[in-house]
């Protein structure tokens, strides 16, 4: 697996997956070895995924496994989720790559601010509305209880409402079944795991992605890995992660920013996870290049429909790396502000 830095001393805050801790890596190898010894690799898994993996993942996510379908990732869910619709509405800011995939499939894609969605101004009963909760990428914004209640009243206003739960371990509270949930393990395991899910999927549904997720032995190994606590070895403690977020924000001298109404909640309490948007002045590309030249790699905000920002993602980075990164970021931004006036 790739390391988390490009050269000694560089702190990579682009969201690159760190190497697994040794206990998790050893557990995975043992699970895969046992699976390969007992499963015929040429057998095609069931269309909705191997029953063992559906049961293990359903238990981990607290979802009914009979209505859970395994996919190879969030993007692979798109054909099913867009069925009967030609328009996808994404909240802003968001991970724009999903919109690229949707446009490539011939769908119309529009962006909407969360406050506009909750006010009903984006409603379209022919469209699919796509939100992320909790810990939206790129800024960690989550939905408050009153916002979720409001969103539930808007279900009839759309073809369907999809909630991306990729970061659900930060705030694992259950969601109403009226929302279609999708997710992937890639932010925990790395993209090479090639496992995602859709829930709920009607038992009679015949339009799932044809791949049905990864090969059978891989799915069985992952089922054993989950049951043995492998995902917990990778996810850490959500309370600790929230404390690290607050500490990093303090080192930067400013909280992460985002959009949304903050209905019924303290705005600060709505943010969680290991990513935030940092506002910058002047040229965003110049700031990205200056930070890279000073040993910190970040992502441009425009990649997330958030121009005038950079995205910092620090999962797997040490407290020492964050302290070094914060010092460098503060110095670069201060120098950049002085130059641009």
Foldseek 3Di string as FASTA:
>chain_A
DDAQAPDPQFGEQALADHDAPPVLVVLLVVLLVVLVVPDDQVDAAPLQGHLLLLVLVCVVLVHDSLQKGKFLWDLLAVVVQQPQAQEEEEEPQAQCVSVVSSVVVRHHYYYDHAACVLVVVVFAARYEYEEEAALGPAAQFHDDPVSLVSVVVCQNRYVAYEYECQVCVLPSDDHDLSHKYKYAPCSQVNSVLRIMMIPRHDNPDDPRRRRRTDTPSSSSSVSSSSVVPSSCSRPDDSVVQQVLQVVLCVLLVHHFDDTHDQPPHDRNVRGGAFKGKAAADDAQVVLQVLLVVVRYHWAASVSRVGHRITMGGRRPHDPVSSNSSSVSSNVSRVVVVVVVD
